[in-house]
PDB file of N, CA and C in Angstrom:
ATOM      1  N   MET A   1     117.336  91.222 102.245  1.00  0.00           N
ATOM      2  CA  MET A   1     115.678  91.897 102.567  1.00  0.00           C
ATOM      3  C   MET A   1     115.855  93.907 102.224  1.00  0.00           C
ATOM      4  N   LEU A   2     117.338  94.027 101.921  1.00  0.00           N
ATOM      5  CA  LEU A   2     116.813  95.415 101.979  1.00  0.00           C
ATOM      6  C   LEU A   2     117.545  95.208 100.286  1.00  0.00           C
ATOM      7  N   ILE A   3     118.131  94.452  99.885  1.00  0.00           N
ATOM      8  CA  ILE A   3     118.653  94.050  98.162  1.00  0.00           C
ATOM      9  C   ILE A   3     117.203  93.895  97.279  1.00  0.00           C
ATOM     10  N   LYS A   4     115.976  93.005  98.070  1.00  0.00           N
ATOM     11  CA  LYS A   4     114.905  92.951  97.695  1.00  0.00           C
ATOM     12  C   LYS A   4     114.201  94.076  98.175  1.00  0.00           C
ATOM     13  N   PHE A   5     114.103  94.425  98.964  1.00  0.00           N
ATOM     14  CA  PHE A   5     113.334  95.961  99.066  1.00  0.00           C
ATOM     15  C   PHE A   5     113.740  96.777  98.047  1.00  0.00           C
ATOM     16  N   LEU A   6     114.869  96.604  97.699  1.00  0.00           N
ATOM     17  CA  LEU A   6     115.428  97.937  96.720  1.00  0.00           C
ATOM     18  C   LEU A   6     115.853  97.716  95.691  1.00  0.00           C
ATOM     19  N   GLY A   7     115.053  96.004  94.984  1.00  0.00           N
ATOM     20  CA  GLY A   7     114.966  95.545  93.297  1.00  0.00           C
ATOM     21  C   GLY A   7     113.404  95.839  93.515  1.00  0.00           C
ATOM     22  N   ILE A   8     112.104  95.792  94.268  1.00  0.00           N
ATOM     23  CA  ILE A   8     111.108  96.192  94.352  1.00  0.00           C
ATOM     24  C   ILE A   8     110.915  97.304  93.753  1.00  0.00           C
ATOM     25  N   LEU A   9     111.181  98.272  94.448  1.00  0.00           N
ATOM     26  CA  LEU A   9     111.081  99.784  94.659  1.00  0.00           C
ATOM     27  C   LEU A   9     111.838 100.478  92.778  1.00  0.00           C
ATOM     28  N   ASP A  10     113.461  99.262  92.241  1.00  0.00           N
ATOM     29  CA  ASP A  10     113.586  99.951  91.159  1.00  0.00           C
ATOM     30  C   ASP A  10     112.359  99.329  90.409  1.00  0.00           C
ATOM     31  N   ILE A  11     111.623  97.945  89.900  1.00  0.00           N
ATOM     32  CA  ILE A  11     110.633  97.946  88.814  1.00  0.00           C
ATOM     33  C   ILE A  11     109.301  99.013  89.271  1.00  0.00           C
ATOM     34  N   ILE A  12     109.591  99.243  90.254  1.00  0.00           N
ATOM     35  CA  ILE A  12     107.934 100.289  90.958  1.00  0.00           C
ATOM     36  C   ILE A  12     108.725 101.483  89.565  1.00  0.00           C
ATOM     37  N   ALA A  13     109.274 101.583  90.012  1.00  0.00           N
ATOM     38  CA  ALA A  13     110.492 103.070  89.310  1.00  0.00           C
ATOM     39  C   ALA A  13     110.079 102.435  87.623  1.00  0.00           C
ATOM     40  N   ALA A  14     110.733 101.410  86.964  1.00  0.00           N
ATOM     41  CA  ALA A  14     110.162 101.553  85.824  1.00  0.00           C
ATOM     42  C   ALA A  14     108.949 101.123  85.277  1.00  0.00           C
ATOM     43  N   ILE A  15     108.185 100.168  85.681  1.00  0.00           N
ATOM     44  CA  ILE A  15     106.495 100.804  85.855  1.00  0.00           C
ATOM     45  C   ILE A  15     106.166 102.381  85.562  1.00  0.00           C
ATOM     46  N   SER A  16     106.658 103.024  86.291  1.00  0.00           N
ATOM     47  CA  SER A  16     106.256 104.433  86.604  1.00  0.00           C
ATOM     48  C   SER A  16     106.440 105.171  85.600  1.00  0.00           C
ATOM     49  N   PHE A  17     107.941 105.249  84.745  1.00  0.00           N
ATOM     50  CA  PHE A  17     108.211 105.666  83.836  1.00  0.00           C
ATOM     51  C   PHE A  17     108.565 105.760  82.420  1.00  0.00           C
ATOM     52  N   TRP A  18     107.459 104.142  82.696  1.00  0.00           N
ATOM     53  CA  TRP A  18     107.036 103.996  81.535  1.00  0.00           C
ATOM     54  C   TRP A  18     105.989 104.779  81.188  1.00  0.00           C
ATOM     55  N   ILE A  19     104.635 104.513  82.238  1.00  0.00           N
ATOM     56  CA  ILE A  19     103.183 104.835  81.720  1.00  0.00           C
ATOM     57  C   ILE A  19     103.782 106.068  81.699  1.00  0.00           C
ATOM     58  N   PHE A  20     104.544 107.000  82.944  1.00  0.00           N
ATOM     59  CA  PHE A  20     104.889 108.473  82.685  1.00  0.00           C
ATOM     60  C   PHE A  20     104.602 108.906  81.385  1.00  0.00           C
ATOM     61  N   GLY A  21     106.071 107.987  80.414  1.00  0.00           N
ATOM     62  CA  GLY A  21     106.725 108.520  79.294  1.00  0.00           C
ATOM     63  C   GLY A  21     105.379 107.986  78.053  1.00  0.00           C
ATOM     64  N   ILE A  22     105.166 107.465  77.718  1.00  0.00           N
ATOM     65  CA  ILE A  22     104.313 106.791  77.238  1.00  0.00           C
ATOM     66  C   ILE A  22     102.696 107.053  77.137  1.00  0.00           C
ATOM     67  N   PHE A  23     102.538 107.109  78.324  1.00  0.00           N
ATOM     68  CA  PHE A  23     100.557 107.652  78.246  1.00  0.00           C
ATOM     69  C   PHE A  23     101.201 109.131  78.988  1.00  0.00           C
ATOM     70  N   GLY A  24     101.868 109.082  79.572  1.00  0.00           N
ATOM     71  CA  GLY A  24     101.980 111.196  80.280  1.00  0.00           C
ATOM     72  C   GLY A  24     100.953 110.964  81.643  1.00  0.00           C
ATOM     73  N   ILE A  25     100.094 109.850  82.761  1.00  0.00           N
ATOM     74  CA  ILE A  25      99.632 109.558  83.274  1.00  0.00           C
ATOM     75  C   ILE A  25     100.247 109.509  84.754  1.00  0.00           C
ATOM     76  N   VAL A  26     100.888 109.467  85.282  1.00  0.00           N
ATOM     77  CA  VAL A  26     101.451 109.341  86.363  1.00  0.00           C
ATOM     78  C   VAL A  26     102.471 110.616  87.142  1.00  0.00           C
ATOM     79  N   PRO A  27     101.574 111.432  87.838  1.00  0.00           N
ATOM     80  CA  PRO A  27     101.696 112.421  88.174  1.00  0.00           C
ATOM     81  C   PRO A  27     103.408 113.143  87.831  1.00  0.00           C
ATOM     82  N   THR A  28     103.485 113.590  87.861  1.00  0.00           N
ATOM     83  CA  THR A  28     105.412 113.929  87.656  1.00  0.00           C
ATOM     84  C   THR A  28     105.904 114.350  89.148  1.00  0.00           C
ATOM     85  N   ILE A  29     104.867 114.102  90.538  1.00  0.00           N
ATOM     86  CA  ILE A  29     105.825 114.463  91.729  1.00  0.00           C
ATOM     87  C   ILE A  29     106.394 112.810  92.038  1.00  0.00           C
ATOM     88  N   ILE A  30     105.493 112.096  91.109  1.00  0.00           N
ATOM     89  CA  ILE A  30     105.837 110.236  91.628  1.00  0.00           C
ATOM     90  C   ILE A  30     107.777 110.455  90.748  1.00  0.00           C
ATOM     91  N   ILE A  31     107.461 110.548  89.805  1.00  0.00           N
ATOM     92  CA  ILE A  31     108.916 110.529  89.036  1.00  0.00           C
ATOM     93  C   ILE A  31     109.831 111.410  89.344  1.00  0.00           C
ATOM     94  N   VAL A  32     109.637 112.211  89.826  1.00  0.00           N
ATOM     95  CA  VAL A  32     111.261 113.145  90.883  1.00  0.00           C
ATOM     96  C   VAL A  32     111.199 112.173  91.723  1.00  0.00           C
ATOM     97  N   LEU A  33     110.121 111.878  92.728  1.00  0.00           N
ATOM     98  CA  LEU A  33     110.870 111.039  93.927  1.00  0.00           C
ATOM     99  C   LEU A  33     111.605 109.410  93.319  1.00  0.00           C
ATOM    100  N   PHE A  34     110.981 109.346  92.186  1.00  0.00           N
ATOM    101  CA  PHE A  34     111.775 108.053  92.124  1.00  0.00           C
ATOM    102  C   PHE A  34     113.179 108.259  91.445  1.00  0.00           C
ATOM    103  N   ALA A  35     113.405 109.985  90.678  1.00  0.00           N
ATOM    104  CA  ALA A  35     114.494 110.114  89.503  1.00  0.00           C
ATOM    105  C   ALA A  35     114.912 109.648  91.606  1.00  0.00           C
ATOM    106  N   ILE A  36     114.999 110.697  92.041  1.00  0.00           N
ATOM    107  CA  ILE A  36     115.514 111.614  93.182  1.00  0.00           C
ATOM    108  C   ILE A  36     116.107 109.600  94.101  1.00  0.00           C
ATOM    109  N   TYR A  37     115.151 108.562  94.275  1.00  0.00           N
ATOM    110  CA  TYR A  37     115.481 107.850  94.835  1.00  0.00           C
ATOM    111  C   TYR A  37     116.906 106.888  94.558  1.00  0.00           C
ATOM    112  N   LEU A  38     116.237 107.031  93.165  1.00  0.00           N
ATOM    113  CA  LEU A  38     117.768 106.239  91.735  1.00  0.00           C
ATOM    114  C   LEU A  38     119.158 107.026  92.039  1.00  0.00           C
ATOM    115  N   LEU A  39     118.744 108.002  91.914  1.00  0.00           N
ATOM    116  CA  LEU A  39     119.869 109.301  92.138  1.00  0.00           C
ATOM    117  C   LEU A  39     120.602 109.106  93.726  1.00  0.00           C
ATOM    118  N   VAL A  40     120.579 108.961  94.195  1.00  0.00           N
ATOM    119  CA  VAL A  40     120.903 108.555  96.425  1.00  0.00           C
ATOM    120  C   VAL A  40     121.800 107.201  95.628  1.00  0.00           C
ATOM    121  N   LYS A  41     120.897 106.716  95.753  1.00  0.00           N
ATOM    122  CA  LYS A  41     121.111 104.787  95.695  1.00  0.00           C
ATOM    123  C   LYS A  41     121.932 104.890  94.550  1.00  0.00           C
ATOM    124  N   GLY A  42     122.554 105.502  93.458  1.00  0.00           N
ATOM    125  CA  GLY A  42     123.263 105.030  93.103  1.00  0.00           C
ATOM    126  C   GLY A  42     124.512 105.583  93.626  1.00  0.00           C
ATOM    127  N   LEU A  43     124.881 107.250  94.508  1.00  0.00           N
ATOM    128  CA  LEU A  43     125.379 107.534  94.970  1.00  0.00           C
ATOM    129  C   LEU A  43     126.348 107.288  96.236  1.00  0.00           C
ATOM    130  N   LEU A  44     125.612 106.244  96.510  1.00  0.00           N
ATOM    131  CA  LEU A  44     125.674 105.349  97.664  1.00  0.00           C
ATOM    132  C   LEU A  44     126.110 104.144  97.115  1.00  0.00           C
ATOM    133  N   PHE A  45     126.482 103.932  96.393  1.00  0.00           N
ATOM    134  CA  PHE A  45     126.114 102.320  95.732  1.00  0.00           C
ATOM    135  C   PHE A  45     127.626 102.414  94.821  1.00  0.00           C
ATOM    136  N   ILE A  46     127.940 103.723  94.669  1.00  0.00           N
ATOM    137  CA  ILE A  46     129.767 103.831  93.396  1.00  0.00           C
ATOM    138  C   ILE A  46     130.406 103.901  93.931  1.00  0.00           C
ATOM    139  N   ILE A  47     130.570 103.268  95.114  1.00  0.00           N
ATOM    140  CA  ILE A  47     132.286 103.892  96.330  1.00  0.00           C
ATOM    141  C   ILE A  47     132.278 102.510  95.778  1.00  0.00           C
ATOM    142  N   SER A  48     131.236 100.947  95.589  1.00  0.00           N
ATOM    143  CA  SER A  48     131.640  99.985  94.898  1.00  0.00           C
ATOM    144  C   SER A  48     132.392  99.968  93.650  1.00  0.00           C
ATOM    145  N   SER A  49     132.337 100.726  93.268  1.00  0.00           N
ATOM    146  CA  SER A  49     132.583 100.915  92.055  1.00  0.00           C
ATOM    147  C   SER A  49     131.822 100.279  90.350  1.00  0.00           C
ATOM    148  N   ASP A  50     130.129 100.111  91.274  1.00  0.00           N
ATOM    149  CA  ASP A  50     129.441  99.224  90.380  1.00  0.00           C
ATOM    150  C   ASP A  50     128.868  99.475  89.024  1.00  0.00           C
ATOM    151  N   LEU A  51     128.998  99.114  87.607  1.00  0.00           N
ATOM    152  CA  LEU A  51     127.874  99.216  86.729  1.00  0.00           C
ATOM    153  C   LEU A  51     126.866  99.521  87.239  1.00  0.00           C
ATOM    154  N   ALA A  52     125.631  98.947  87.779  1.00  0.00           N
ATOM    155  CA  ALA A  52     124.424  99.693  87.930  1.00  0.00           C
ATOM    156  C   ALA A  52     124.221 100.862  88.579  1.00  0.00           C
ATOM    157  N   SER A  53     125.331 100.899  89.818  1.00  0.00           N
ATOM    158  CA  SER A  53     124.921 102.517  90.439  1.00  0.00           C
ATOM    159  C   SER A  53     124.939 103.242  89.708  1.00  0.00           C
ATOM    160  N   ILE A  54     126.106 103.163  87.693  1.00  0.00           N
ATOM    161  CA  ILE A  54     125.730 104.501  87.878  1.00  0.00           C
ATOM    162  C   ILE A  54     124.999 104.485  86.229  1.00  0.00           C
ATOM    163  N   ILE A  55     124.585 103.250  86.020  1.00  0.00           N
ATOM    164  CA  ILE A  55     123.368 102.783  85.495  1.00  0.00           C
ATOM    165  C   ILE A  55     122.149 103.512  86.532  1.00  0.00           C
ATOM    166  N   ASP A  56     121.921 103.630  87.842  1.00  0.00           N
ATOM    167  CA  ASP A  56     121.070 103.963  88.115  1.00  0.00           C
ATOM    168  C   ASP A  56     121.304 105.661  88.187  1.00  0.00           C
ATOM    169  N   ILE A  57     122.258 106.355  88.345  1.00  0.00           N
ATOM    170  CA  ILE A  57     122.978 107.414  88.303  1.00  0.00           C
ATOM    171  C   ILE A  57     122.101 108.068  86.443  1.00  0.00           C
ATOM    172  N   ILE A  58     122.493 107.503  85.080  1.00  0.00           N
ATOM    173  CA  ILE A  58     121.769 107.705  84.839  1.00  0.00           C
ATOM    174  C   ILE A  58     120.789 107.882  83.725  1.00  0.00           C
ATOM    175  N   ILE A  59     120.190 106.637  84.646  1.00  0.00           N
ATOM    176  CA  ILE A  59     118.746 106.983  84.295  1.00  0.00           C
ATOM    177  C   ILE A  59     117.567 108.022  84.952  1.00  0.00           C
ATOM    178  N   SER A  60     118.186 108.086  86.441  1.00  0.00           N
ATOM    179  CA  SER A  60     117.938 109.114  87.370  1.00  0.00           C
ATOM    180  C   SER A  60     117.999 110.402  86.113  1.00  0.00           C
ATOM    181  N   LEU A  61     118.999 110.850  85.912  1.00  0.00           N
ATOM    182  CA  LEU A  61     118.801 111.939  85.057  1.00  0.00           C
ATOM    183  C   LEU A  61     118.419 111.873  83.283  1.00  0.00           C
ATOM    184  N   VAL A  62     117.901 111.089  83.644  1.00  0.00           N
ATOM    185  CA  VAL A  62     117.020 110.925  82.287  1.00  0.00           C
ATOM    186  C   VAL A  62     115.923 111.329  82.638  1.00  0.00           C
ATOM    187  N   MET A  63     115.191 110.639  83.441  1.00  0.00           N
ATOM    188  CA  MET A  63     113.876 110.797  84.147  1.00  0.00           C
ATOM    189  C   MET A  63     113.961 112.077  84.223  1.00  0.00           C
ATOM    190  N   PHE A  64     114.981 112.721  85.286  1.00  0.00           N
ATOM    191  CA  PHE A  64     114.389 114.739  85.708  1.00  0.00           C
ATOM    192  C   PHE A  64     114.433 115.194  83.855  1.00  0.00           C
ATOM    193  N   LEU A  65     115.284 114.614  83.008  1.00  0.00           N
ATOM    194  CA  LEU A  65     115.329 115.250  81.659  1.00  0.00           C
ATOM    195  C   LEU A  65     113.696 115.373  81.302  1.00  0.00           C
ATOM    196  N   SER A  66     113.022 114.417  81.481  1.00  0.00           N
ATOM    197  CA  SER A  66     111.776 113.586  80.594  1.00  0.00           C
ATOM    198  C   SER A  66     111.231 114.297  81.574  1.00  0.00           C
ATOM    199  N   LEU A  67     111.131 115.283  82.403  1.00  0.00           N
ATOM    200  CA  LEU A  67     109.799 116.270  82.950  1.00  0.00           C
ATOM    201  C   LEU A  67     110.021 117.491  82.035  1.00  0.00           C
ATOM    202  N   SER A  68     110.404 118.364  81.342  1.00  0.00           N
ATOM    203  CA  SER A  68     111.052 119.096  81.361  1.00  0.00           C
ATOM    204  C   SER A  68     111.092 118.637  79.250  1.00  0.00           C
ATOM    205  N   ILE A  69     111.294 117.057  78.638  1.00  0.00           N
ATOM    206  CA  ILE A  69     110.761 117.324  77.562  1.00  0.00           C
ATOM    207  C   ILE A  69     110.338 115.935  77.022  1.00  0.00           C
ATOM    208  N   THR A  70     110.096 115.814  75.797  1.00  0.00           N
ATOM    209  CA  THR A  70     109.037 114.525  75.647  1.00  0.00           C
ATOM    210  C   THR A  70     110.451 113.092  75.376  1.00  0.00           C
ATOM    211  N   LEU A  71     110.078 112.332  75.138  1.00  0.00           N
ATOM    212  CA  LEU A  71     111.575 111.862  74.865  1.00  0.00           C
ATOM    213  C   LEU A  71     110.926 110.121  74.481  1.00  0.00           C
ATOM    214  N   PRO A  72     111.998 110.303  72.844  1.00  0.00           N
ATOM    215  CA  PRO A  72     111.561 108.817  72.167  1.00  0.00           C
ATOM    216  C   PRO A  72     110.692 107.978  72.769  1.00  0.00           C
ATOM    217  N   GLN A  73     109.955 107.596  72.843  1.00  0.00           N
ATOM    218  CA  GLN A  73     109.343 106.110  73.245  1.00  0.00           C
ATOM    219  C   GLN A  73     110.503 105.604  73.254  1.00  0.00           C
ATOM    220  N   ILE A  74     110.783 104.903  72.232  1.00  0.00           N
ATOM    221  CA  ILE A  74     111.940 103.742  72.311  1.00  0.00           C
ATOM    222  C   ILE A  74     112.893 103.982  73.816  1.00  0.00           C
ATOM    223  N   VAL A  75     113.209 105.111  74.023  1.00  0.00           N
ATOM    224  CA  VAL A  75     114.508 105.243  75.129  1.00  0.00           C
ATOM    225  C   VAL A  75     113.670 104.961  76.413  1.00  0.00           C
ATOM    226  N   VAL A  76     112.604 105.589  76.697  1.00  0.00           N
ATOM    227  CA  VAL A  76     111.929 105.044  77.426  1.00  0.00           C
ATOM    228  C   VAL A  76     111.472 103.691  77.690  1.00  0.00           C
ATOM    229  N   ILE A  77     110.734 103.304  77.134  1.00  0.00           N
ATOM    230  CA  ILE A  77     111.349 101.715  76.982  1.00  0.00           C
ATOM    231  C   ILE A  77     112.080 100.674  77.160  1.00  0.00           C
ATOM    232  N   ILE A  78     113.321 101.443  76.876  1.00  0.00           N
ATOM    233  CA  ILE A  78     114.730 100.571  77.006  1.00  0.00           C
ATOM    234  C   ILE A  78     114.912 101.394  78.196  1.00  0.00           C
ATOM    235  N   LEU A  79     114.607 101.875  78.901  1.00  0.00           N
ATOM    236  CA  LEU A  79     114.579 102.389  79.772  1.00  0.00           C
ATOM    237  C   LEU A  79     115.057 101.535  81.366  1.00  0.00           C
ATOM    238  N   ALA A  80     113.327 101.557  81.099  1.00  0.00           N
ATOM    239  CA  ALA A  80     111.571 100.845  81.945  1.00  0.00           C
ATOM    240  C   ALA A  80     112.903  99.641  81.546  1.00  0.00           C
ATOM    241  N   LEU A  81     113.052  98.689  80.881  1.00  0.00           N
ATOM    242  CA  LEU A  81     113.304  96.513  80.613  1.00  0.00           C
ATOM    243  C   LEU A  81     115.048  96.880  81.500  1.00  0.00           C
ATOM    244  N   VAL A  82     116.135  98.189  81.632  1.00  0.00           N
ATOM    245  CA  VAL A  82     117.006  98.164  82.454  1.00  0.00           C
ATOM    246  C   VAL A  82     116.543  97.917  83.718  1.00  0.00           C
ATOM    247  N   LEU A  83     116.059  98.949  84.017  1.00  0.00           N
ATOM    248  CA  LEU A  83     115.297  98.588  85.620  1.00  0.00           C
ATOM    249  C   LEU A  83     114.786  97.410  85.783  1.00  0.00           C
ATOM    250  N   ILE A  84     113.638  97.364  85.194  1.00  0.00           N
ATOM    251  CA  ILE A  84     112.781  96.194  85.353  1.00  0.00           C
ATOM    252  C   ILE A  84     113.876  94.739  85.297  1.00  0.00           C
ATOM    253  N   GLN A  85     114.759  95.072  84.474  1.00  0.00           N
ATOM    254  CA  GLN A  85     115.885  93.547  84.701  1.00  0.00           C
ATOM    255  C   GLN A  85     116.982  93.953  85.746  1.00  0.00           C
ATOM    256  N   LYS A  86     117.160  94.932  86.361  1.00  0.00           N
ATOM    257  CA  LYS A  86     117.754  95.387  87.259  1.00  0.00           C
ATOM    258  C   LYS A  86     117.297  94.688  89.021  1.00  0.00           C
ATOM    259  N   GLY A  87     115.485  95.116  88.614  1.00  0.00           N
ATOM    260  CA  GLY A  87     115.163  94.901  90.233  1.00  0.00           C
ATOM    261  C   GLY A  87     115.117  93.512  90.126  1.00  0.00           C
ATOM    262  N   VAL A  88     114.706  92.636  88.930  1.00  0.00           N
ATOM    263  CA  VAL A  88     114.151  90.971  88.718  1.00  0.00           C
ATOM    264  C   VAL A  88     115.431  90.297  89.776  1.00  0.00           C
ATOM    265  N   LEU A  89     116.703  91.021  88.647  1.00  0.00           N
ATOM    266  CA  LEU A  89     117.782  90.587  89.258  1.00  0.00           C
ATOM    267  C   LEU A  89     118.353  90.877  90.952  1.00  0.00           C
ATOM    268  N   SER A  90     118.136  91.013  90.903  1.00  0.00           N
ATOM    269  CA  SER A  90     118.018  92.067  93.112  1.00  0.00           C
ATOM    270  C   SER A  90     117.123  90.805  93.793  1.00  0.00           C
ATOM    271  N   LEU A  91     115.629  90.306  93.100  1.00  0.00           N
ATOM    272  CA  LEU A  91     114.864  89.867  93.545  1.00  0.00           C
ATOM    273  C   LEU A  91     115.785  88.750  93.432  1.00  0.00           C
ATOM    274  N   PHE A  92     116.122  87.935  92.461  1.00  0.00           N
ATOM    275  CA  PHE A  92     116.638  86.808  93.112  1.00  0.00           C
ATOM    276  C   PHE A  92     118.126  86.227  93.214  1.00  0.00           C
ATOM    277  N   ALA A  93     118.816  88.123  93.734  1.00  0.00           N
ATOM    278  CA  ALA A  93     120.299  87.597  94.714  1.00  0.00           C
ATOM    279  C   ALA A  93     119.598  87.580  95.959  1.00  0.00           C
TER     280      ALA A  93
END
């Protein structure tokens, strides 16, 4: 149940990041909250030496970076797709 909930949050984070990165219409506080969520989740599960945890940490750092600079759209799209994929796989686990 927890994995499915975290998967849904990953999908919502990805969609929010995509809308923020492409259109800029999502409030920055939402991006900050999702970046903190991904960072905490990545740090909690890094104990298991899981590649997905490292990806969560990297994406959260890029999300924080996107608050200061404009990222290329392809970077935003790729990271959003990776998060969506992780979320969907979590729903089927």
